[in-house]
Amino acid sequence: MRTSAVVFVSHSMQLISSFCTRVLVMDHGRTVLDTLEPGVAVNHYYGLVKNTTQVSGAGGAAVMHLSMSANGLELGDDPLIQQGSEATIRVRVRIEPGRRGQMTVLIDDATLAPMLGIPVLDEHGAYVDLVEGEHELIVPLGHLDLNAGKYAVLVAIRNADDQTNLCRHQGLRPFRIHAARVYWAKMVRTVPSTYLDGPLLQRSGTASIT
């Protein structure tokens, strides 16, 4: 029997991880990675994606510093985070005189589409009012059940009195989510399901359910 191969060229990481058994990553016509592990290729591909930081708004507020941690460990530049890790950000902002800010944190994907939004609320579910001065906050992001890919943090502060946009810092602290494959969804929750009834395919090294 003759052996054959299909060469498939795509920027769709879902298709790559679903069908390919060997992946070559190319950059400007040059092969930079040749691997039998699609997950490794996906991570490398997203590592080549350039990130830009954009600042907009009417003024009156600014993000001074932002850091990120996953599973209790502070992350460096362009980190690789395991899918499902629990993450937090630590952010310092400045509010100018005469302003009262309310903050929302978002996680954007590589196309700048928002994947996750976290309004900064107090224990009563109301926005935290940020008055004149500098403020430092820890914002829990929860478990990052994001699809494999590249993401960045967006911090938006609006005026609590008239809802005008004081500042919008986009593209902060870019990071990559690592997973063995890319799914056809924006969010992925890899938790085991409960088997109830039906024919089972017994796998090697595992006991069947009776």
N, C-alpha and C. Protein backbone atom coordinates (compact mmCIF):
# COMPACT_ATOMS: atom_id res chain seq x y z
N MET A 1 0.84 -1.19 0.00
CA MET A 1 0.00 0.00 0.00
C MET A 1 0.88 1.24 0.00
N ARG A 2 0.56 2.16 -0.88
CA ARG A 2 1.35 3.37 -0.98
C ARG A 2 1.04 4.32 0.17
N THR A 3 2.05 5.00 0.64
CA THR A 3 1.84 6.03 1.66
C THR A 3 1.67 7.36 0.96
N SER A 4 0.90 8.23 1.59
CA SER A 4 0.65 9.54 1.00
C SER A 4 0.53 10.57 2.11
N ALA A 5 0.58 11.83 1.73
CA ALA A 5 0.48 12.92 2.69
C ALA A 5 -0.28 14.07 2.04
N VAL A 6 -0.96 14.83 2.86
CA VAL A 6 -1.67 16.01 2.40
C VAL A 6 -1.02 17.23 3.05
N VAL A 7 -0.62 18.18 2.24
CA VAL A 7 -0.04 19.42 2.75
C VAL A 7 -1.18 20.43 2.90
N PHE A 8 -1.40 20.87 4.12
CA PHE A 8 -2.52 21.77 4.43
C PHE A 8 -1.95 23.08 4.97
N VAL A 9 -2.26 24.18 4.30
CA VAL A 9 -1.74 25.50 4.69
C VAL A 9 -2.89 26.33 5.25
N SER A 10 -2.74 26.82 6.48
CA SER A 10 -3.85 27.56 7.09
C SER A 10 -3.35 28.42 8.24
N HIS A 11 -4.12 29.49 8.53
CA HIS A 11 -3.93 30.28 9.75
C HIS A 11 -4.98 29.93 10.79
N SER A 12 -5.79 28.91 10.52
CA SER A 12 -6.80 28.46 11.48
C SER A 12 -6.19 27.43 12.42
N MET A 13 -5.97 27.84 13.66
CA MET A 13 -5.36 26.92 14.61
C MET A 13 -6.32 25.79 15.00
N GLN A 14 -7.64 26.04 14.88
CA GLN A 14 -8.59 24.96 15.14
C GLN A 14 -8.42 23.83 14.14
N LEU A 15 -8.30 24.19 12.85
CA LEU A 15 -8.11 23.16 11.81
C LEU A 15 -6.75 22.48 11.96
N ILE A 16 -5.73 23.26 12.24
CA ILE A 16 -4.38 22.70 12.38
C ILE A 16 -4.35 21.64 13.48
N SER A 17 -4.91 21.98 14.65
CA SER A 17 -4.84 21.04 15.78
C SER A 17 -5.81 19.87 15.62
N SER A 18 -6.83 20.02 14.77
CA SER A 18 -7.80 18.94 14.58
C SER A 18 -7.31 17.88 13.59
N PHE A 19 -6.59 18.30 12.54
CA PHE A 19 -6.31 17.39 11.45
C PHE A 19 -4.82 17.06 11.23
N CYS A 20 -3.93 17.89 11.73
CA CYS A 20 -2.52 17.73 11.38
C CYS A 20 -1.77 16.86 12.39
N THR A 21 -0.90 15.99 11.86
CA THR A 21 -0.04 15.17 12.72
C THR A 21 1.40 15.67 12.73
N ARG A 22 1.70 16.55 11.83
CA ARG A 22 3.01 17.21 11.79
C ARG A 22 2.80 18.64 11.33
N VAL A 23 3.43 19.58 12.01
CA VAL A 23 3.18 21.00 11.73
C VAL A 23 4.50 21.72 11.50
N LEU A 24 4.54 22.51 10.43
CA LEU A 24 5.66 23.41 10.17
C LEU A 24 5.16 24.84 10.33
N VAL A 25 5.85 25.61 11.14
CA VAL A 25 5.53 27.02 11.31
C VAL A 25 6.51 27.83 10.48
N MET A 26 5.97 28.74 9.66
CA MET A 26 6.81 29.54 8.78
C MET A 26 6.68 31.01 9.14
N ASP A 27 7.78 31.72 9.00
CA ASP A 27 7.81 33.16 9.27
C ASP A 27 8.53 33.84 8.11
N HIS A 28 7.78 34.62 7.31
CA HIS A 28 8.34 35.30 6.15
C HIS A 28 9.05 34.32 5.21
N GLY A 29 8.39 33.18 4.93
CA GLY A 29 8.91 32.22 3.98
C GLY A 29 9.98 31.29 4.52
N ARG A 30 10.29 31.40 5.81
CA ARG A 30 11.34 30.57 6.41
C ARG A 30 10.73 29.65 7.47
N THR A 31 11.07 28.36 7.43
CA THR A 31 10.58 27.41 8.43
C THR A 31 11.30 27.64 9.76
N VAL A 32 10.52 27.96 10.80
CA VAL A 32 11.12 28.23 12.12
C VAL A 32 10.82 27.12 13.12
N LEU A 33 9.90 26.21 12.76
CA LEU A 33 9.59 25.09 13.66
C LEU A 33 9.02 23.94 12.85
N ASP A 34 9.47 22.72 13.16
CA ASP A 34 8.97 21.49 12.54
C ASP A 34 8.73 20.52 13.69
N THR A 35 7.45 20.21 13.98
CA THR A 35 7.15 19.41 15.16
C THR A 35 6.00 18.45 14.90
N LEU A 36 5.98 17.37 15.64
CA LEU A 36 4.89 16.41 15.61
C LEU A 36 3.83 16.73 16.66
N GLU A 37 4.01 17.79 17.41
CA GLU A 37 3.07 18.18 18.45
C GLU A 37 2.36 19.46 18.05
N PRO A 38 1.10 19.37 17.61
CA PRO A 38 0.37 20.57 17.18
C PRO A 38 0.27 21.64 18.25
N GLY A 39 0.13 21.25 19.52
CA GLY A 39 0.05 22.23 20.59
C GLY A 39 1.29 23.10 20.69
N VAL A 40 2.46 22.50 20.49
CA VAL A 40 3.71 23.25 20.50
C VAL A 40 3.75 24.23 19.33
N ALA A 41 3.28 23.78 18.18
CA ALA A 41 3.26 24.65 17.00
C ALA A 41 2.31 25.83 17.19
N VAL A 42 1.15 25.58 17.78
CA VAL A 42 0.18 26.66 18.03
C VAL A 42 0.78 27.72 18.95
N ASN A 43 1.45 27.28 20.01
CA ASN A 43 2.09 28.23 20.93
C ASN A 43 3.14 29.07 20.21
N HIS A 44 3.93 28.41 19.37
CA HIS A 44 4.98 29.13 18.65
C HIS A 44 4.37 30.13 17.67
N TYR A 45 3.32 29.72 16.99
CA TYR A 45 2.64 30.60 16.03
C TYR A 45 2.15 31.86 16.72
N TYR A 46 1.46 31.71 17.85
CA TYR A 46 0.95 32.88 18.55
C TYR A 46 2.06 33.73 19.15
N GLY A 47 3.21 33.11 19.41
CA GLY A 47 4.36 33.88 19.87
C GLY A 47 4.89 34.83 18.82
N LEU A 48 4.59 34.57 17.54
CA LEU A 48 5.02 35.44 16.46
C LEU A 48 4.08 36.63 16.25
N VAL A 49 2.89 36.56 16.87
CA VAL A 49 1.91 37.64 16.71
C VAL A 49 2.37 38.88 17.47
N LYS A 50 2.45 39.99 16.79
CA LYS A 50 2.90 41.23 17.41
C LYS A 50 1.78 41.85 18.23
N ASN A 51 2.15 42.45 19.35
CA ASN A 51 1.17 43.10 20.23
C ASN A 51 1.43 44.60 20.26
N THR A 52 0.36 45.38 20.20
CA THR A 52 0.49 46.83 20.29
C THR A 52 -0.36 47.35 21.44
N THR A 53 0.14 48.37 22.09
CA THR A 53 -0.59 49.01 23.19
C THR A 53 -1.20 50.30 22.68
N GLN A 54 -2.49 50.49 22.95
CA GLN A 54 -3.21 51.67 22.51
C GLN A 54 -3.84 52.35 23.72
N VAL A 55 -3.75 53.68 23.76
CA VAL A 55 -4.34 54.45 24.84
C VAL A 55 -5.28 55.48 24.24
N SER A 56 -6.50 55.54 24.76
CA SER A 56 -7.49 56.51 24.28
C SER A 56 -8.30 57.00 25.47
N GLY A 57 -9.18 57.96 25.22
CA GLY A 57 -10.04 58.49 26.27
C GLY A 57 -9.93 59.99 26.39
N ALA A 58 -10.82 60.56 27.19
CA ALA A 58 -10.88 62.02 27.35
C ALA A 58 -9.82 62.55 28.30
N GLY A 59 -9.15 61.67 29.05
CA GLY A 59 -8.16 62.11 30.04
C GLY A 59 -8.80 62.23 31.41
N GLY A 60 -7.95 62.39 32.40
CA GLY A 60 -8.44 62.47 33.77
C GLY A 60 -8.17 61.22 34.57
N ALA A 61 -7.64 60.18 33.90
CA ALA A 61 -7.28 58.93 34.57
C ALA A 61 -6.22 58.24 33.74
N ALA A 62 -5.42 57.40 34.39
CA ALA A 62 -4.36 56.69 33.66
C ALA A 62 -3.98 55.43 34.42
N VAL A 63 -3.54 54.42 33.67
CA VAL A 63 -2.99 53.20 34.26
C VAL A 63 -1.49 53.41 34.43
N MET A 64 -1.01 53.30 35.66
CA MET A 64 0.40 53.53 35.96
C MET A 64 1.23 52.25 35.83
N HIS A 65 0.64 51.14 36.27
CA HIS A 65 1.39 49.86 36.26
C HIS A 65 0.40 48.72 36.33
N LEU A 66 0.75 47.60 35.67
CA LEU A 66 -0.09 46.41 35.73
C LEU A 66 0.80 45.18 35.70
N SER A 67 0.58 44.27 36.63
CA SER A 67 1.29 42.99 36.64
C SER A 67 0.26 41.87 36.73
N MET A 68 0.70 40.67 36.41
CA MET A 68 -0.21 39.53 36.34
C MET A 68 0.43 38.32 36.99
N SER A 69 -0.39 37.51 37.65
CA SER A 69 0.10 36.28 38.25
C SER A 69 -0.85 35.14 37.90
N ALA A 70 -0.32 33.92 37.86
CA ALA A 70 -1.11 32.73 37.58
C ALA A 70 -0.74 31.65 38.58
N ASN A 71 -1.74 31.10 39.22
CA ASN A 71 -1.54 30.08 40.26
C ASN A 71 -0.56 30.56 41.33
N GLY A 72 -0.66 31.85 41.66
CA GLY A 72 0.15 32.43 42.74
C GLY A 72 1.54 32.87 42.35
N LEU A 73 1.95 32.70 41.10
CA LEU A 73 3.29 33.07 40.65
C LEU A 73 3.20 34.28 39.73
N GLU A 74 4.02 35.31 40.03
CA GLU A 74 4.03 36.50 39.17
C GLU A 74 4.66 36.16 37.82
N LEU A 75 4.07 36.69 36.77
CA LEU A 75 4.49 36.37 35.41
C LEU A 75 5.37 37.46 34.83
N GLY A 76 6.27 37.06 33.95
CA GLY A 76 7.13 38.00 33.26
C GLY A 76 6.49 38.47 31.97
N ASP A 77 7.34 38.89 31.03
CA ASP A 77 6.86 39.39 29.75
C ASP A 77 6.43 38.24 28.84
N ASP A 78 5.31 38.42 28.14
CA ASP A 78 4.77 37.47 27.17
C ASP A 78 4.80 36.04 27.71
N PRO A 79 4.15 35.79 28.85
CA PRO A 79 4.23 34.46 29.47
C PRO A 79 3.34 33.45 28.77
N LEU A 80 3.64 32.19 29.00
CA LEU A 80 2.84 31.07 28.52
C LEU A 80 2.11 30.49 29.72
N ILE A 81 0.77 30.52 29.70
CA ILE A 81 -0.05 30.12 30.83
C ILE A 81 -0.84 28.87 30.47
N GLN A 82 -0.83 27.88 31.35
CA GLN A 82 -1.58 26.66 31.10
C GLN A 82 -3.07 26.95 31.14
N GLN A 83 -3.79 26.41 30.17
CA GLN A 83 -5.24 26.59 30.10
C GLN A 83 -5.89 26.16 31.41
N GLY A 84 -6.79 27.01 31.94
CA GLY A 84 -7.49 26.71 33.19
C GLY A 84 -6.81 27.23 34.43
N SER A 85 -5.64 27.86 34.29
CA SER A 85 -4.94 28.41 35.46
C SER A 85 -5.74 29.54 36.08
N GLU A 86 -5.61 29.69 37.40
CA GLU A 86 -6.28 30.77 38.10
C GLU A 86 -5.38 32.00 38.09
N ALA A 87 -5.90 33.12 37.65
CA ALA A 87 -5.06 34.30 37.44
C ALA A 87 -5.63 35.52 38.15
N THR A 88 -4.74 36.45 38.48
CA THR A 88 -5.12 37.74 39.04
C THR A 88 -4.24 38.81 38.39
N ILE A 89 -4.73 40.05 38.40
CA ILE A 89 -3.88 41.15 38.00
C ILE A 89 -3.79 42.14 39.16
N ARG A 90 -2.68 42.84 39.22
CA ARG A 90 -2.45 43.91 40.19
C ARG A 90 -2.24 45.18 39.39
N VAL A 91 -3.08 46.17 39.61
CA VAL A 91 -3.06 47.36 38.77
C VAL A 91 -3.04 48.62 39.64
N ARG A 92 -2.22 49.58 39.22
CA ARG A 92 -2.17 50.88 39.90
C ARG A 92 -2.63 51.95 38.91
N VAL A 93 -3.60 52.74 39.33
CA VAL A 93 -4.17 53.77 38.46
C VAL A 93 -4.14 55.12 39.18
N ARG A 94 -4.20 56.18 38.38
CA ARG A 94 -4.23 57.53 38.92
C ARG A 94 -5.49 58.24 38.43
N ILE A 95 -6.19 58.90 39.36
CA ILE A 95 -7.38 59.67 39.04
C ILE A 95 -7.07 61.15 39.30
N GLU A 96 -7.33 61.98 38.31
CA GLU A 96 -7.03 63.40 38.41
C GLU A 96 -8.10 64.13 39.24
N PRO A 97 -7.75 65.32 39.75
CA PRO A 97 -8.72 66.11 40.54
C PRO A 97 -10.01 66.38 39.76
N GLY A 98 -11.11 66.34 40.47
CA GLY A 98 -12.40 66.59 39.87
C GLY A 98 -13.01 65.41 39.16
N ARG A 99 -12.35 64.25 39.24
CA ARG A 99 -12.85 63.05 38.58
C ARG A 99 -13.18 61.98 39.62
N ARG A 100 -14.10 61.10 39.26
CA ARG A 100 -14.45 59.94 40.09
C ARG A 100 -14.61 58.76 39.15
N GLY A 101 -13.65 57.85 39.21
CA GLY A 101 -13.58 56.80 38.21
C GLY A 101 -14.19 55.48 38.64
N GLN A 102 -14.66 54.73 37.64
CA GLN A 102 -15.11 53.35 37.82
C GLN A 102 -14.41 52.50 36.77
N MET A 103 -13.86 51.37 37.19
CA MET A 103 -12.94 50.61 36.34
C MET A 103 -13.52 49.26 35.94
N THR A 104 -13.23 48.88 34.71
CA THR A 104 -13.55 47.54 34.19
C THR A 104 -12.30 46.97 33.54
N VAL A 105 -12.04 45.70 33.79
CA VAL A 105 -10.91 44.99 33.19
C VAL A 105 -11.46 43.98 32.18
N LEU A 106 -10.88 43.95 31.00
CA LEU A 106 -11.28 42.99 29.98
C LEU A 106 -10.07 42.21 29.49
N ILE A 107 -10.32 41.01 29.01
CA ILE A 107 -9.31 40.20 28.34
C ILE A 107 -9.68 40.14 26.87
N ASP A 108 -8.81 40.65 26.00
CA ASP A 108 -9.03 40.65 24.56
C ASP A 108 -8.22 39.54 23.90
N ASP A 109 -8.74 39.01 22.80
CA ASP A 109 -7.96 38.06 22.02
C ASP A 109 -7.09 38.80 21.01
N ALA A 110 -6.43 38.05 20.13
CA ALA A 110 -5.48 38.67 19.20
C ALA A 110 -6.15 39.58 18.19
N THR A 111 -7.47 39.42 18.00
CA THR A 111 -8.21 40.30 17.08
C THR A 111 -8.81 41.50 17.81
N LEU A 112 -8.49 41.66 19.09
CA LEU A 112 -9.00 42.73 19.96
C LEU A 112 -10.47 42.55 20.33
N ALA A 113 -11.00 41.35 20.13
CA ALA A 113 -12.37 41.05 20.56
C ALA A 113 -12.36 40.70 22.04
N PRO A 114 -13.26 41.27 22.84
CA PRO A 114 -13.27 40.98 24.28
C PRO A 114 -13.77 39.58 24.56
N MET A 115 -13.01 38.82 25.34
CA MET A 115 -13.36 37.45 25.71
C MET A 115 -13.92 37.36 27.13
N LEU A 116 -13.48 38.28 27.98
CA LEU A 116 -13.85 38.22 29.40
C LEU A 116 -13.90 39.63 29.94
N GLY A 117 -14.94 39.95 30.71
CA GLY A 117 -15.06 41.27 31.32
C GLY A 117 -15.23 41.17 32.82
N ILE A 118 -14.48 41.98 33.56
CA ILE A 118 -14.53 41.96 35.03
C ILE A 118 -14.73 43.38 35.53
N PRO A 119 -15.96 43.76 35.86
CA PRO A 119 -16.15 45.07 36.49
C PRO A 119 -15.56 45.05 37.91
N VAL A 120 -14.90 46.13 38.28
CA VAL A 120 -14.26 46.19 39.61
C VAL A 120 -15.32 46.65 40.61
N LEU A 121 -15.83 45.69 41.40
CA LEU A 121 -16.96 45.92 42.29
C LEU A 121 -16.55 45.76 43.75
N ASP A 122 -17.37 46.35 44.64
CA ASP A 122 -17.16 46.15 46.08
C ASP A 122 -17.95 44.94 46.55
N GLU A 123 -17.95 44.69 47.86
CA GLU A 123 -18.61 43.50 48.39
C GLU A 123 -20.13 43.54 48.24
N HIS A 124 -20.70 44.71 47.92
CA HIS A 124 -22.13 44.83 47.73
C HIS A 124 -22.55 44.76 46.26
N GLY A 125 -21.57 44.55 45.37
CA GLY A 125 -21.87 44.45 43.96
C GLY A 125 -21.94 45.77 43.23
N ALA A 126 -21.51 46.86 43.88
CA ALA A 126 -21.50 48.18 43.25
C ALA A 126 -20.08 48.50 42.80
N TYR A 127 -19.98 49.35 41.77
CA TYR A 127 -18.65 49.76 41.31
C TYR A 127 -17.87 50.45 42.44
N VAL A 128 -16.58 50.15 42.51
CA VAL A 128 -15.70 50.85 43.44
C VAL A 128 -15.45 52.25 42.88
N ASP A 129 -15.75 53.27 43.68
CA ASP A 129 -15.51 54.65 43.25
C ASP A 129 -14.06 55.02 43.53
N LEU A 130 -13.34 55.39 42.48
CA LEU A 130 -11.93 55.78 42.59
C LEU A 130 -11.87 57.30 42.56
N VAL A 131 -11.56 57.87 43.71
CA VAL A 131 -11.51 59.33 43.80
C VAL A 131 -10.11 59.81 43.46
N GLU A 132 -9.88 61.12 43.56
CA GLU A 132 -8.60 61.73 43.22
C GLU A 132 -7.43 61.05 43.94
N GLY A 133 -6.38 60.76 43.20
CA GLY A 133 -5.18 60.15 43.78
C GLY A 133 -4.82 58.86 43.07
N GLU A 134 -3.85 58.13 43.65
CA GLU A 134 -3.43 56.84 43.09
C GLU A 134 -4.06 55.70 43.88
N HIS A 135 -4.44 54.66 43.15
CA HIS A 135 -5.09 53.50 43.74
C HIS A 135 -4.41 52.24 43.23
N GLU A 136 -4.25 51.26 44.10
CA GLU A 136 -3.70 49.96 43.71
C GLU A 136 -4.73 48.89 44.06
N LEU A 137 -5.06 48.06 43.09
CA LEU A 137 -6.10 47.06 43.26
C LEU A 137 -5.64 45.70 42.77
N ILE A 138 -6.14 44.66 43.41
CA ILE A 138 -5.96 43.29 42.93
C ILE A 138 -7.29 42.83 42.36
N VAL A 139 -7.28 42.45 41.10
CA VAL A 139 -8.51 42.05 40.40
C VAL A 139 -8.41 40.56 40.06
N PRO A 140 -9.27 39.71 40.65
CA PRO A 140 -9.24 38.28 40.30
C PRO A 140 -9.86 38.03 38.93
N LEU A 141 -9.15 37.28 38.10
CA LEU A 141 -9.66 36.92 36.78
C LEU A 141 -10.35 35.57 36.79
N GLY A 142 -10.17 34.80 37.88
CA GLY A 142 -10.73 33.45 37.92
C GLY A 142 -9.90 32.50 37.09
N HIS A 143 -10.48 31.38 36.74
CA HIS A 143 -9.79 30.38 35.92
C HIS A 143 -9.83 30.82 34.46
N LEU A 144 -8.68 30.82 33.83
CA LEU A 144 -8.58 31.24 32.43
C LEU A 144 -8.93 30.06 31.51
N ASP A 145 -10.23 29.82 31.40
CA ASP A 145 -10.73 28.74 30.54
C ASP A 145 -10.84 29.25 29.10
N LEU A 146 -9.78 29.84 28.62
CA LEU A 146 -9.73 30.40 27.28
C LEU A 146 -9.16 29.39 26.31
N ASN A 147 -9.57 29.49 25.06
CA ASN A 147 -8.98 28.65 24.03
C ASN A 147 -7.50 28.98 23.87
N ALA A 148 -6.73 28.05 23.36
CA ALA A 148 -5.32 28.32 23.10
C ALA A 148 -5.20 29.51 22.16
N GLY A 149 -4.30 30.43 22.49
CA GLY A 149 -4.15 31.63 21.67
C GLY A 149 -3.43 32.72 22.42
N LYS A 150 -3.42 33.91 21.82
CA LYS A 150 -2.75 35.06 22.42
C LYS A 150 -3.79 36.07 22.88
N TYR A 151 -3.55 36.64 24.05
CA TYR A 151 -4.50 37.55 24.68
C TYR A 151 -3.75 38.72 25.31
N ALA A 152 -4.50 39.74 25.69
CA ALA A 152 -3.93 40.89 26.39
C ALA A 152 -5.01 41.51 27.28
N VAL A 153 -4.56 42.33 28.22
CA VAL A 153 -5.47 42.96 29.19
C VAL A 153 -5.85 44.36 28.70
N LEU A 154 -7.12 44.70 28.87
CA LEU A 154 -7.61 46.05 28.61
C LEU A 154 -8.17 46.61 29.91
N VAL A 155 -7.76 47.82 30.27
CA VAL A 155 -8.29 48.50 31.45
C VAL A 155 -9.01 49.76 30.99
N ALA A 156 -10.29 49.87 31.35
CA ALA A 156 -11.10 51.03 30.99
C ALA A 156 -11.60 51.70 32.27
N ILE A 157 -11.45 53.02 32.33
CA ILE A 157 -11.95 53.79 33.47
C ILE A 157 -12.90 54.86 32.94
N ARG A 158 -14.11 54.86 33.44
CA ARG A 158 -15.09 55.85 33.03
C ARG A 158 -15.41 56.78 34.20
N ASN A 159 -15.89 57.98 33.87
CA ASN A 159 -16.28 58.96 34.89
C ASN A 159 -17.61 58.51 35.49
N ALA A 160 -17.64 58.37 36.82
CA ALA A 160 -18.85 57.89 37.49
C ALA A 160 -20.00 58.87 37.38
N ASP A 161 -19.70 60.16 37.15
CA ASP A 161 -20.76 61.18 37.14
C ASP A 161 -21.48 61.26 35.80
N ASP A 162 -20.74 61.24 34.69
CA ASP A 162 -21.39 61.39 33.38
C ASP A 162 -21.10 60.23 32.42
N GLN A 163 -20.39 59.18 32.90
CA GLN A 163 -20.12 57.96 32.13
C GLN A 163 -19.21 58.18 30.92
N THR A 164 -18.52 59.30 30.86
CA THR A 164 -17.55 59.50 29.78
C THR A 164 -16.33 58.61 30.00
N ASN A 165 -15.69 58.25 28.91
CA ASN A 165 -14.53 57.38 28.96
C ASN A 165 -13.29 58.21 29.31
N LEU A 166 -12.77 58.03 30.53
CA LEU A 166 -11.58 58.78 30.94
C LEU A 166 -10.31 58.21 30.32
N CYS A 167 -10.18 56.91 30.36
CA CYS A 167 -9.02 56.27 29.72
C CYS A 167 -9.35 54.83 29.37
N ARG A 168 -8.67 54.38 28.33
CA ARG A 168 -8.83 53.01 27.84
C ARG A 168 -7.45 52.54 27.39
N HIS A 169 -6.83 51.69 28.20
CA HIS A 169 -5.49 51.17 27.90
C HIS A 169 -5.66 49.74 27.37
N GLN A 170 -5.34 49.55 26.11
CA GLN A 170 -5.54 48.28 25.42
C GLN A 170 -4.21 47.65 25.06
N GLY A 171 -4.14 46.31 25.15
CA GLY A 171 -2.91 45.60 24.79
C GLY A 171 -1.92 45.48 25.93
N LEU A 172 -2.38 45.62 27.18
CA LEU A 172 -1.49 45.52 28.33
C LEU A 172 -1.20 44.05 28.65
N ARG A 173 0.00 43.78 29.12
CA ARG A 173 0.45 42.48 29.61
C ARG A 173 -0.01 41.32 28.70
N PRO A 174 0.47 41.28 27.47
CA PRO A 174 0.08 40.18 26.57
C PRO A 174 0.55 38.83 27.13
N PHE A 175 -0.27 37.80 26.88
CA PHE A 175 0.07 36.46 27.35
C PHE A 175 -0.52 35.44 26.38
N ARG A 176 0.00 34.22 26.47
CA ARG A 176 -0.48 33.13 25.63
C ARG A 176 -1.06 32.02 26.50
N ILE A 177 -2.13 31.42 26.04
CA ILE A 177 -2.73 30.27 26.70
C ILE A 177 -2.24 29.00 26.00
N HIS A 178 -1.69 28.08 26.79
CA HIS A 178 -1.19 26.81 26.24
C HIS A 178 -2.22 25.71 26.45
N ALA A 179 -2.46 24.93 25.40
CA ALA A 179 -3.31 23.74 25.49
C ALA A 179 -2.84 22.74 24.45
N ALA A 180 -3.20 21.48 24.64
CA ALA A 180 -2.77 20.43 23.72
C ALA A 180 -3.41 20.59 22.35
N ARG A 181 -4.61 21.21 22.31
CA ARG A 181 -5.29 21.42 21.03
C ARG A 181 -6.11 22.69 21.12
N VAL A 182 -6.55 23.15 19.93
CA VAL A 182 -7.39 24.34 19.84
C VAL A 182 -8.81 23.88 19.54
N TYR A 183 -9.76 24.33 20.34
CA TYR A 183 -11.15 23.92 20.16
C TYR A 183 -11.93 24.96 19.35
N TRP A 184 -13.12 24.56 18.86
CA TRP A 184 -13.98 25.45 18.10
C TRP A 184 -14.86 26.25 19.06
N ALA A 185 -14.24 27.00 19.92
CA ALA A 185 -14.97 27.81 20.89
C ALA A 185 -14.03 28.86 21.45
N LYS A 186 -14.59 29.91 22.01
CA LYS A 186 -13.78 30.94 22.63
C LYS A 186 -13.35 30.55 24.05
N MET A 187 -14.27 29.88 24.76
CA MET A 187 -13.99 29.42 26.11
C MET A 187 -14.00 27.90 26.12
N VAL A 188 -13.09 27.30 26.89
CA VAL A 188 -12.96 25.85 26.95
C VAL A 188 -12.88 25.43 28.41
N ARG A 189 -13.76 24.54 28.82
CA ARG A 189 -13.73 24.04 30.19
C ARG A 189 -13.50 22.54 30.15
N THR A 190 -12.28 22.12 30.44
CA THR A 190 -11.91 20.71 30.33
C THR A 190 -12.08 20.02 31.68
N VAL A 191 -13.33 19.79 32.05
CA VAL A 191 -13.64 19.08 33.29
C VAL A 191 -14.29 17.76 32.93
N PRO A 192 -14.03 16.70 33.73
CA PRO A 192 -14.60 15.39 33.39
C PRO A 192 -16.11 15.38 33.56
N SER A 193 -16.77 14.68 32.66
CA SER A 193 -18.22 14.51 32.73
C SER A 193 -18.56 13.25 33.52
N THR A 194 -19.80 13.16 33.96
CA THR A 194 -20.28 11.99 34.69
C THR A 194 -20.96 11.03 33.72
N TYR A 195 -20.43 9.83 33.64
CA TYR A 195 -20.99 8.81 32.75
C TYR A 195 -22.21 8.18 33.43
N LEU A 196 -23.34 8.12 32.70
CA LEU A 196 -24.56 7.57 33.27
C LEU A 196 -24.91 6.20 32.70
N ASP A 197 -25.02 6.12 31.37
CA ASP A 197 -25.47 4.85 30.80
C ASP A 197 -25.11 4.80 29.32
N GLY A 198 -24.97 3.57 28.79
CA GLY A 198 -24.68 3.38 27.38
C GLY A 198 -23.49 2.46 27.18
N PRO A 199 -23.25 2.03 25.94
CA PRO A 199 -22.11 1.15 25.68
C PRO A 199 -20.79 1.90 25.85
N LEU A 200 -19.84 1.22 26.49
CA LEU A 200 -18.54 1.83 26.75
C LEU A 200 -17.48 1.21 25.87
N LEU A 201 -16.55 2.05 25.44
CA LEU A 201 -15.35 1.58 24.75
C LEU A 201 -14.25 1.48 25.78
N GLN A 202 -13.88 0.27 26.15
CA GLN A 202 -12.86 0.08 27.17
C GLN A 202 -11.50 0.44 26.63
N ARG A 203 -10.79 1.29 27.36
CA ARG A 203 -9.46 1.72 26.93
C ARG A 203 -8.40 0.91 27.65
N SER A 204 -7.27 0.77 27.00
CA SER A 204 -6.15 0.03 27.57
C SER A 204 -5.72 0.63 28.89
N GLY A 205 -5.62 -0.22 29.90
CA GLY A 205 -5.14 0.25 31.19
C GLY A 205 -6.22 0.86 32.07
N THR A 206 -7.48 0.84 31.61
CA THR A 206 -8.57 1.39 32.41
C THR A 206 -9.62 0.32 32.63
N ALA A 207 -10.27 0.40 33.76
CA ALA A 207 -11.31 -0.56 34.07
C ALA A 207 -12.63 -0.07 33.53
N SER A 208 -13.46 -1.00 33.07
CA SER A 208 -14.78 -0.63 32.56
C SER A 208 -15.72 -0.33 33.71
N ILE A 209 -16.74 0.47 33.43
CA ILE A 209 -17.74 0.79 34.44
C ILE A 209 -18.87 -0.21 34.35
N THR A 210 -19.24 -0.80 35.46
CA THR A 210 -20.32 -1.79 35.47
C THR A 210 -21.47 -1.30 36.31
